[in-house]
Amino acid sequence: MTRGDAATDLDTTPISAADYAMYAAIMGGASAILSTLSPADREALALAKKVDADQAKATPDTEAMLAQARALQSKDIELARVQGIEERYVRVKARIEAVIGPGAKPPAADDAVGKENLRFLEPHKGNIERLQRILRDPLLPRDERTTSDF
């Protein structure tokens, strides 16, 4: 397991190859875990999807199922925690998702680090978006996990 480049300050230094490798390894591990969902996991995720879309209400009776779904949706954070790299992973993930993914925005004109992160990550964009899709919606059919929806 790569641990990222902990010697760098991500506020002043672009993401390194080691940081990207750590992100891809954690996200890949989480997506592998999510590829073998139990029926109970699928039910919990389906309920969470409905609650998030305001098609269902959270109740005391569904609280445990929703907690189960949220744990599945943050499986990457759990894996990073187990590896002892949660803090670094969360920071790297935030920097990556700032420039690639559904909430990404173009770096500001004076953001040299953001521009370099985007330049460095551009060749990995397809893989990053695929992994983000799987973690965001583990119930997506396999064929939809490989197409871009951003």
N, C-alpha and C. Protein backbone atom coordinates (compact mmCIF):
# COMPACT_ATOMS: atom_id res chain seq x y z
N MET A 1 0.86 -1.18 0.00
CA MET A 1 0.00 0.00 0.00
C MET A 1 0.89 1.22 0.00
N THR A 2 0.64 2.09 -0.97
CA THR A 2 1.36 3.35 -0.99
C THR A 2 0.74 4.30 0.02
N ARG A 3 1.54 5.09 0.65
CA ARG A 3 1.08 5.96 1.71
C ARG A 3 0.97 7.41 1.26
N GLY A 4 1.21 7.68 -0.02
CA GLY A 4 1.19 9.06 -0.49
C GLY A 4 2.50 9.73 -0.16
N ASP A 5 2.60 10.98 -0.49
CA ASP A 5 3.83 11.74 -0.26
C ASP A 5 3.60 12.67 0.91
N ALA A 6 3.67 12.13 2.12
CA ALA A 6 3.33 12.89 3.33
C ALA A 6 4.27 14.06 3.59
N ALA A 7 5.41 14.11 2.91
CA ALA A 7 6.36 15.19 3.12
C ALA A 7 5.91 16.49 2.46
N THR A 8 4.94 16.42 1.57
CA THR A 8 4.52 17.62 0.86
C THR A 8 3.31 18.27 1.51
N ASP A 9 3.25 19.58 1.40
CA ASP A 9 2.13 20.37 1.88
C ASP A 9 1.21 20.59 0.67
N LEU A 10 0.05 20.00 0.68
CA LEU A 10 -0.85 20.06 -0.47
C LEU A 10 -1.42 21.45 -0.72
N ASP A 11 -1.25 22.35 0.23
CA ASP A 11 -1.70 23.73 0.00
C ASP A 11 -0.73 24.49 -0.90
N THR A 12 0.54 24.05 -0.91
CA THR A 12 1.55 24.77 -1.68
C THR A 12 2.25 23.91 -2.72
N THR A 13 1.99 22.60 -2.70
CA THR A 13 2.66 21.67 -3.60
C THR A 13 1.62 20.81 -4.31
N PRO A 14 1.77 20.63 -5.62
CA PRO A 14 0.81 19.79 -6.35
C PRO A 14 0.84 18.34 -5.88
N ILE A 15 -0.20 17.62 -6.23
CA ILE A 15 -0.30 16.19 -5.95
C ILE A 15 0.84 15.47 -6.65
N SER A 16 1.43 14.51 -5.97
CA SER A 16 2.53 13.74 -6.54
C SER A 16 2.01 12.42 -7.11
N ALA A 17 2.88 11.73 -7.82
CA ALA A 17 2.53 10.41 -8.34
C ALA A 17 2.19 9.46 -7.19
N ALA A 18 2.92 9.57 -6.08
CA ALA A 18 2.65 8.72 -4.92
C ALA A 18 1.27 9.02 -4.32
N ASP A 19 0.90 10.30 -4.31
CA ASP A 19 -0.42 10.68 -3.80
C ASP A 19 -1.52 10.09 -4.69
N TYR A 20 -1.35 10.22 -6.01
CA TYR A 20 -2.36 9.65 -6.91
C TYR A 20 -2.43 8.13 -6.75
N ALA A 21 -1.28 7.48 -6.63
CA ALA A 21 -1.26 6.03 -6.46
C ALA A 21 -2.00 5.62 -5.19
N MET A 22 -1.83 6.37 -4.11
CA MET A 22 -2.53 6.08 -2.86
C MET A 22 -4.04 6.23 -3.08
N TYR A 23 -4.45 7.34 -3.69
CA TYR A 23 -5.87 7.59 -3.97
C TYR A 23 -6.46 6.46 -4.80
N ALA A 24 -5.79 6.11 -5.90
CA ALA A 24 -6.30 5.06 -6.79
C ALA A 24 -6.37 3.71 -6.08
N ALA A 25 -5.39 3.41 -5.23
CA ALA A 25 -5.39 2.14 -4.51
C ALA A 25 -6.54 2.07 -3.50
N ILE A 26 -6.75 3.14 -2.76
CA ILE A 26 -7.84 3.16 -1.78
C ILE A 26 -9.20 3.12 -2.48
N MET A 27 -9.37 3.95 -3.49
CA MET A 27 -10.64 3.97 -4.22
C MET A 27 -10.88 2.63 -4.93
N GLY A 28 -9.82 2.05 -5.48
CA GLY A 28 -9.95 0.76 -6.15
C GLY A 28 -10.33 -0.34 -5.17
N GLY A 29 -9.71 -0.32 -3.99
CA GLY A 29 -10.05 -1.30 -2.96
C GLY A 29 -11.49 -1.16 -2.50
N ALA A 30 -11.92 0.08 -2.31
CA ALA A 30 -13.31 0.31 -1.89
C ALA A 30 -14.28 -0.14 -2.98
N SER A 31 -13.95 0.14 -4.24
CA SER A 31 -14.86 -0.26 -5.32
C SER A 31 -14.91 -1.78 -5.44
N ALA A 32 -13.80 -2.46 -5.16
CA ALA A 32 -13.81 -3.93 -5.19
C ALA A 32 -14.71 -4.49 -4.09
N ILE A 33 -14.63 -3.90 -2.92
CA ILE A 33 -15.50 -4.34 -1.82
C ILE A 33 -16.96 -4.12 -2.19
N LEU A 34 -17.24 -2.99 -2.82
CA LEU A 34 -18.62 -2.66 -3.16
C LEU A 34 -19.15 -3.47 -4.34
N SER A 35 -18.30 -4.22 -4.99
CA SER A 35 -18.77 -5.06 -6.10
C SER A 35 -19.40 -6.36 -5.61
N THR A 36 -19.30 -6.63 -4.33
CA THR A 36 -19.86 -7.87 -3.77
C THR A 36 -20.85 -7.54 -2.65
N LEU A 37 -21.83 -6.75 -2.98
CA LEU A 37 -22.83 -6.33 -1.98
C LEU A 37 -23.80 -7.46 -1.65
N SER A 38 -24.12 -7.56 -0.39
CA SER A 38 -25.13 -8.52 0.05
C SER A 38 -26.52 -7.95 -0.26
N PRO A 39 -27.54 -8.79 -0.22
CA PRO A 39 -28.91 -8.27 -0.40
C PRO A 39 -29.26 -7.18 0.62
N ALA A 40 -28.81 -7.34 1.85
CA ALA A 40 -29.09 -6.33 2.88
C ALA A 40 -28.38 -5.01 2.56
N ASP A 41 -27.15 -5.11 2.04
CA ASP A 41 -26.43 -3.90 1.63
C ASP A 41 -27.17 -3.19 0.50
N ARG A 42 -27.62 -3.97 -0.47
CA ARG A 42 -28.35 -3.40 -1.61
C ARG A 42 -29.64 -2.71 -1.14
N GLU A 43 -30.32 -3.34 -0.21
CA GLU A 43 -31.55 -2.76 0.32
C GLU A 43 -31.27 -1.44 1.05
N ALA A 44 -30.21 -1.43 1.85
CA ALA A 44 -29.84 -0.22 2.59
C ALA A 44 -29.46 0.91 1.63
N LEU A 45 -28.69 0.59 0.58
CA LEU A 45 -28.29 1.61 -0.40
C LEU A 45 -29.49 2.12 -1.19
N ALA A 46 -30.40 1.24 -1.53
CA ALA A 46 -31.61 1.66 -2.25
C ALA A 46 -32.44 2.61 -1.40
N LEU A 47 -32.56 2.31 -0.11
CA LEU A 47 -33.30 3.18 0.79
C LEU A 47 -32.61 4.54 0.89
N ALA A 48 -31.30 4.54 1.04
CA ALA A 48 -30.55 5.81 1.15
C ALA A 48 -30.73 6.64 -0.12
N LYS A 49 -30.73 5.99 -1.26
CA LYS A 49 -30.92 6.69 -2.53
C LYS A 49 -32.29 7.37 -2.56
N LYS A 50 -33.32 6.67 -2.08
CA LYS A 50 -34.66 7.24 -2.03
C LYS A 50 -34.75 8.40 -1.05
N VAL A 51 -34.12 8.24 0.11
CA VAL A 51 -34.13 9.32 1.12
C VAL A 51 -33.40 10.54 0.56
N ASP A 52 -32.25 10.32 -0.07
CA ASP A 52 -31.48 11.43 -0.64
C ASP A 52 -32.24 12.16 -1.74
N ALA A 53 -33.10 11.44 -2.45
CA ALA A 53 -33.90 12.03 -3.53
C ALA A 53 -35.25 12.54 -3.03
N ASP A 54 -35.45 12.54 -1.70
CA ASP A 54 -36.72 12.95 -1.09
C ASP A 54 -37.90 12.11 -1.55
N GLN A 55 -37.65 10.85 -1.88
CA GLN A 55 -38.72 9.93 -2.26
C GLN A 55 -39.14 9.05 -1.09
N ALA A 56 -38.40 9.15 0.01
CA ALA A 56 -38.71 8.41 1.24
C ALA A 56 -38.20 9.25 2.41
N LYS A 57 -38.75 8.98 3.57
CA LYS A 57 -38.35 9.70 4.78
C LYS A 57 -37.55 8.77 5.69
N ALA A 58 -36.53 9.33 6.30
CA ALA A 58 -35.80 8.58 7.32
C ALA A 58 -36.68 8.50 8.57
N THR A 59 -36.71 7.34 9.18
CA THR A 59 -37.49 7.14 10.39
C THR A 59 -36.60 6.42 11.41
N PRO A 60 -37.04 6.39 12.67
CA PRO A 60 -36.27 5.63 13.65
C PRO A 60 -36.10 4.16 13.23
N ASP A 61 -37.09 3.61 12.55
CA ASP A 61 -37.01 2.21 12.11
C ASP A 61 -35.98 2.00 11.00
N THR A 62 -35.70 3.04 10.21
CA THR A 62 -34.75 2.90 9.10
C THR A 62 -33.36 3.45 9.43
N GLU A 63 -33.20 3.95 10.62
CA GLU A 63 -31.92 4.57 11.01
C GLU A 63 -30.73 3.63 10.85
N ALA A 64 -30.87 2.39 11.27
CA ALA A 64 -29.76 1.43 11.16
C ALA A 64 -29.43 1.13 9.69
N MET A 65 -30.45 1.01 8.86
CA MET A 65 -30.21 0.75 7.44
C MET A 65 -29.50 1.93 6.78
N LEU A 66 -29.91 3.13 7.15
CA LEU A 66 -29.28 4.31 6.57
C LEU A 66 -27.82 4.43 7.04
N ALA A 67 -27.57 4.09 8.29
CA ALA A 67 -26.19 4.11 8.78
C ALA A 67 -25.34 3.08 8.02
N GLN A 68 -25.92 1.92 7.75
CA GLN A 68 -25.23 0.89 6.98
C GLN A 68 -24.91 1.42 5.58
N ALA A 69 -25.86 2.09 4.95
CA ALA A 69 -25.64 2.64 3.61
C ALA A 69 -24.55 3.71 3.63
N ARG A 70 -24.58 4.58 4.61
CA ARG A 70 -23.56 5.64 4.70
C ARG A 70 -22.17 5.04 4.92
N ALA A 71 -22.10 3.98 5.70
CA ALA A 71 -20.81 3.31 5.90
C ALA A 71 -20.30 2.73 4.59
N LEU A 72 -21.18 2.15 3.80
CA LEU A 72 -20.78 1.61 2.50
C LEU A 72 -20.32 2.73 1.57
N GLN A 73 -21.02 3.85 1.60
CA GLN A 73 -20.69 4.97 0.73
C GLN A 73 -19.38 5.65 1.11
N SER A 74 -18.90 5.40 2.30
CA SER A 74 -17.61 5.97 2.72
C SER A 74 -16.58 4.86 2.98
N LYS A 75 -16.71 3.78 2.24
CA LYS A 75 -15.81 2.64 2.39
C LYS A 75 -14.36 3.05 2.14
N ASP A 76 -14.13 4.02 1.26
CA ASP A 76 -12.76 4.48 1.00
C ASP A 76 -12.13 5.09 2.25
N ILE A 77 -12.90 5.87 2.99
CA ILE A 77 -12.39 6.49 4.21
C ILE A 77 -12.05 5.41 5.24
N GLU A 78 -12.91 4.41 5.35
CA GLU A 78 -12.66 3.31 6.27
C GLU A 78 -11.36 2.59 5.91
N LEU A 79 -11.16 2.32 4.62
CA LEU A 79 -9.92 1.65 4.20
C LEU A 79 -8.70 2.49 4.51
N ALA A 80 -8.79 3.79 4.27
CA ALA A 80 -7.66 4.67 4.57
C ALA A 80 -7.38 4.69 6.07
N ARG A 81 -8.43 4.68 6.87
CA ARG A 81 -8.27 4.67 8.34
C ARG A 81 -7.55 3.39 8.78
N VAL A 82 -7.96 2.26 8.23
CA VAL A 82 -7.35 0.98 8.58
C VAL A 82 -5.86 0.97 8.20
N GLN A 83 -5.53 1.63 7.09
CA GLN A 83 -4.14 1.68 6.63
C GLN A 83 -3.32 2.72 7.39
N GLY A 84 -3.97 3.54 8.24
CA GLY A 84 -3.26 4.56 8.99
C GLY A 84 -2.94 5.80 8.16
N ILE A 85 -3.68 6.01 7.07
CA ILE A 85 -3.40 7.15 6.18
C ILE A 85 -4.63 8.01 5.95
N GLU A 86 -5.59 7.95 6.84
CA GLU A 86 -6.85 8.65 6.63
C GLU A 86 -6.65 10.15 6.41
N GLU A 87 -5.88 10.80 7.26
CA GLU A 87 -5.72 12.25 7.15
C GLU A 87 -5.14 12.64 5.79
N ARG A 88 -4.07 11.97 5.38
CA ARG A 88 -3.46 12.28 4.08
C ARG A 88 -4.42 11.95 2.94
N TYR A 89 -5.07 10.80 3.02
CA TYR A 89 -6.00 10.39 1.98
C TYR A 89 -7.12 11.42 1.80
N VAL A 90 -7.72 11.87 2.89
CA VAL A 90 -8.83 12.82 2.83
C VAL A 90 -8.36 14.12 2.17
N ARG A 91 -7.16 14.55 2.48
CA ARG A 91 -6.63 15.79 1.87
C ARG A 91 -6.38 15.59 0.38
N VAL A 92 -5.77 14.46 0.01
CA VAL A 92 -5.51 14.18 -1.41
C VAL A 92 -6.83 14.05 -2.16
N LYS A 93 -7.78 13.33 -1.58
CA LYS A 93 -9.08 13.15 -2.22
C LYS A 93 -9.75 14.50 -2.47
N ALA A 94 -9.69 15.40 -1.50
CA ALA A 94 -10.29 16.73 -1.66
C ALA A 94 -9.63 17.49 -2.81
N ARG A 95 -8.31 17.39 -2.91
CA ARG A 95 -7.59 18.09 -3.99
C ARG A 95 -7.95 17.49 -5.36
N ILE A 96 -8.06 16.18 -5.42
CA ILE A 96 -8.41 15.53 -6.69
C ILE A 96 -9.84 15.89 -7.08
N GLU A 97 -10.76 15.78 -6.14
CA GLU A 97 -12.16 16.05 -6.44
C GLU A 97 -12.46 17.53 -6.66
N ALA A 98 -11.53 18.39 -6.30
CA ALA A 98 -11.68 19.81 -6.60
C ALA A 98 -11.53 20.08 -8.10
N VAL A 99 -10.78 19.20 -8.80
CA VAL A 99 -10.51 19.43 -10.22
C VAL A 99 -11.09 18.36 -11.15
N ILE A 100 -11.47 17.19 -10.60
CA ILE A 100 -12.06 16.13 -11.42
C ILE A 100 -13.22 15.50 -10.65
N GLY A 101 -14.37 15.46 -11.30
CA GLY A 101 -15.53 14.84 -10.69
C GLY A 101 -16.73 15.76 -10.75
N PRO A 102 -17.85 15.32 -10.18
CA PRO A 102 -19.10 16.06 -10.31
C PRO A 102 -19.10 17.43 -9.66
N GLY A 103 -18.30 17.63 -8.62
CA GLY A 103 -18.26 18.94 -7.96
C GLY A 103 -17.06 19.78 -8.36
N ALA A 104 -16.32 19.34 -9.36
CA ALA A 104 -15.08 20.02 -9.75
C ALA A 104 -15.37 21.35 -10.42
N LYS A 105 -14.44 22.27 -10.22
CA LYS A 105 -14.49 23.57 -10.86
C LYS A 105 -13.11 23.86 -11.44
N PRO A 106 -13.05 24.62 -12.52
CA PRO A 106 -11.74 24.98 -13.06
C PRO A 106 -10.95 25.76 -12.01
N PRO A 107 -9.66 25.51 -11.89
CA PRO A 107 -8.87 26.28 -10.92
C PRO A 107 -8.91 27.77 -11.25
N ALA A 108 -8.85 28.59 -10.22
CA ALA A 108 -8.80 30.05 -10.41
C ALA A 108 -7.54 30.42 -11.19
N ALA A 109 -7.59 31.56 -11.83
CA ALA A 109 -6.47 32.01 -12.66
C ALA A 109 -5.16 32.08 -11.87
N ASP A 110 -5.25 32.43 -10.59
CA ASP A 110 -4.04 32.56 -9.78
C ASP A 110 -3.72 31.30 -8.95
N ASP A 111 -4.41 30.20 -9.22
CA ASP A 111 -4.21 28.95 -8.46
C ASP A 111 -3.25 28.03 -9.22
N ALA A 112 -1.97 28.26 -9.04
CA ALA A 112 -0.95 27.47 -9.75
C ALA A 112 -0.99 26.00 -9.33
N VAL A 113 -1.24 25.73 -8.05
CA VAL A 113 -1.28 24.35 -7.57
C VAL A 113 -2.49 23.63 -8.18
N GLY A 114 -3.64 24.26 -8.17
CA GLY A 114 -4.84 23.66 -8.77
C GLY A 114 -4.65 23.38 -10.25
N LYS A 115 -4.04 24.32 -10.96
CA LYS A 115 -3.79 24.13 -12.40
C LYS A 115 -2.85 22.95 -12.64
N GLU A 116 -1.82 22.84 -11.81
CA GLU A 116 -0.88 21.72 -11.97
C GLU A 116 -1.55 20.40 -11.60
N ASN A 117 -2.39 20.41 -10.56
CA ASN A 117 -3.11 19.19 -10.20
C ASN A 117 -3.97 18.73 -11.38
N LEU A 118 -4.69 19.65 -12.00
CA LEU A 118 -5.53 19.30 -13.14
C LEU A 118 -4.69 18.76 -14.29
N ARG A 119 -3.57 19.41 -14.59
CA ARG A 119 -2.70 18.96 -15.67
C ARG A 119 -2.17 17.55 -15.39
N PHE A 120 -1.72 17.32 -14.17
CA PHE A 120 -1.17 16.02 -13.80
C PHE A 120 -2.24 14.93 -13.82
N LEU A 121 -3.44 15.25 -13.35
CA LEU A 121 -4.50 14.24 -13.22
C LEU A 121 -5.28 14.00 -14.51
N GLU A 122 -5.19 14.88 -15.47
CA GLU A 122 -5.97 14.76 -16.71
C GLU A 122 -5.83 13.38 -17.36
N PRO A 123 -4.63 12.80 -17.46
CA PRO A 123 -4.53 11.46 -18.07
C PRO A 123 -5.23 10.37 -17.26
N HIS A 124 -5.50 10.64 -16.00
CA HIS A 124 -6.15 9.66 -15.11
C HIS A 124 -7.64 9.94 -14.93
N LYS A 125 -8.15 10.93 -15.65
CA LYS A 125 -9.52 11.39 -15.45
C LYS A 125 -10.54 10.26 -15.57
N GLY A 126 -10.42 9.42 -16.59
CA GLY A 126 -11.38 8.34 -16.78
C GLY A 126 -11.42 7.39 -15.60
N ASN A 127 -10.27 7.01 -15.10
CA ASN A 127 -10.21 6.11 -13.94
C ASN A 127 -10.77 6.79 -12.69
N ILE A 128 -10.41 8.04 -12.48
CA ILE A 128 -10.89 8.77 -11.31
C ILE A 128 -12.42 8.86 -11.34
N GLU A 129 -12.97 9.25 -12.49
CA GLU A 129 -14.43 9.37 -12.59
C GLU A 129 -15.13 8.03 -12.42
N ARG A 130 -14.54 6.97 -12.94
CA ARG A 130 -15.13 5.63 -12.79
C ARG A 130 -15.18 5.25 -11.31
N LEU A 131 -14.08 5.45 -10.60
CA LEU A 131 -14.03 5.11 -9.18
C LEU A 131 -14.99 5.98 -8.37
N GLN A 132 -15.07 7.26 -8.71
CA GLN A 132 -16.00 8.15 -8.01
C GLN A 132 -17.44 7.70 -8.22
N ARG A 133 -17.78 7.29 -9.44
CA ARG A 133 -19.14 6.82 -9.74
C ARG A 133 -19.49 5.60 -8.89
N ILE A 134 -18.56 4.67 -8.79
CA ILE A 134 -18.82 3.44 -8.02
C ILE A 134 -19.06 3.77 -6.56
N LEU A 135 -18.23 4.65 -5.99
CA LEU A 135 -18.41 4.99 -4.57
C LEU A 135 -19.67 5.82 -4.35
N ARG A 136 -20.00 6.67 -5.29
CA ARG A 136 -21.19 7.51 -5.15
C ARG A 136 -22.46 6.68 -5.26
N ASP A 137 -22.45 5.69 -6.17
CA ASP A 137 -23.65 4.87 -6.36
C ASP A 137 -23.26 3.42 -6.62
N PRO A 138 -22.99 2.66 -5.55
CA PRO A 138 -22.58 1.27 -5.71
C PRO A 138 -23.63 0.39 -6.38
N LEU A 139 -24.86 0.86 -6.51
CA LEU A 139 -25.91 0.06 -7.15
C LEU A 139 -25.94 0.19 -8.67
N LEU A 140 -25.11 1.07 -9.21
CA LEU A 140 -25.08 1.21 -10.68
C LEU A 140 -24.75 -0.13 -11.33
N PRO A 141 -25.45 -0.45 -12.40
CA PRO A 141 -25.07 -1.67 -13.14
C PRO A 141 -23.65 -1.54 -13.67
N ARG A 142 -22.97 -2.66 -13.83
CA ARG A 142 -21.56 -2.65 -14.26
C ARG A 142 -21.33 -1.83 -15.52
N ASP A 143 -22.21 -1.94 -16.51
CA ASP A 143 -21.99 -1.22 -17.77
C ASP A 143 -22.10 0.31 -17.57
N GLU A 144 -22.83 0.77 -16.58
CA GLU A 144 -22.92 2.20 -16.32
C GLU A 144 -21.76 2.72 -15.50
N ARG A 145 -21.01 1.84 -14.90
CA ARG A 145 -19.84 2.25 -14.10
C ARG A 145 -18.68 2.68 -14.99
N THR A 146 -18.73 2.35 -16.24
CA THR A 146 -17.59 2.64 -17.11
C THR A 146 -17.85 3.80 -18.06
N THR A 147 -19.06 4.36 -18.05
CA THR A 147 -19.35 5.49 -18.92
C THR A 147 -19.37 6.77 -18.11
N SER A 148 -18.95 7.85 -18.73
CA SER A 148 -18.90 9.13 -18.02
C SER A 148 -20.28 9.77 -17.96
N ASP A 149 -20.61 10.28 -16.78
CA ASP A 149 -21.88 10.99 -16.64
C ASP A 149 -21.64 12.38 -16.09
N PHE A 150 -20.44 12.86 -16.21
CA PHE A 150 -20.14 14.21 -15.68
C PHE A 150 -20.21 15.23 -16.78
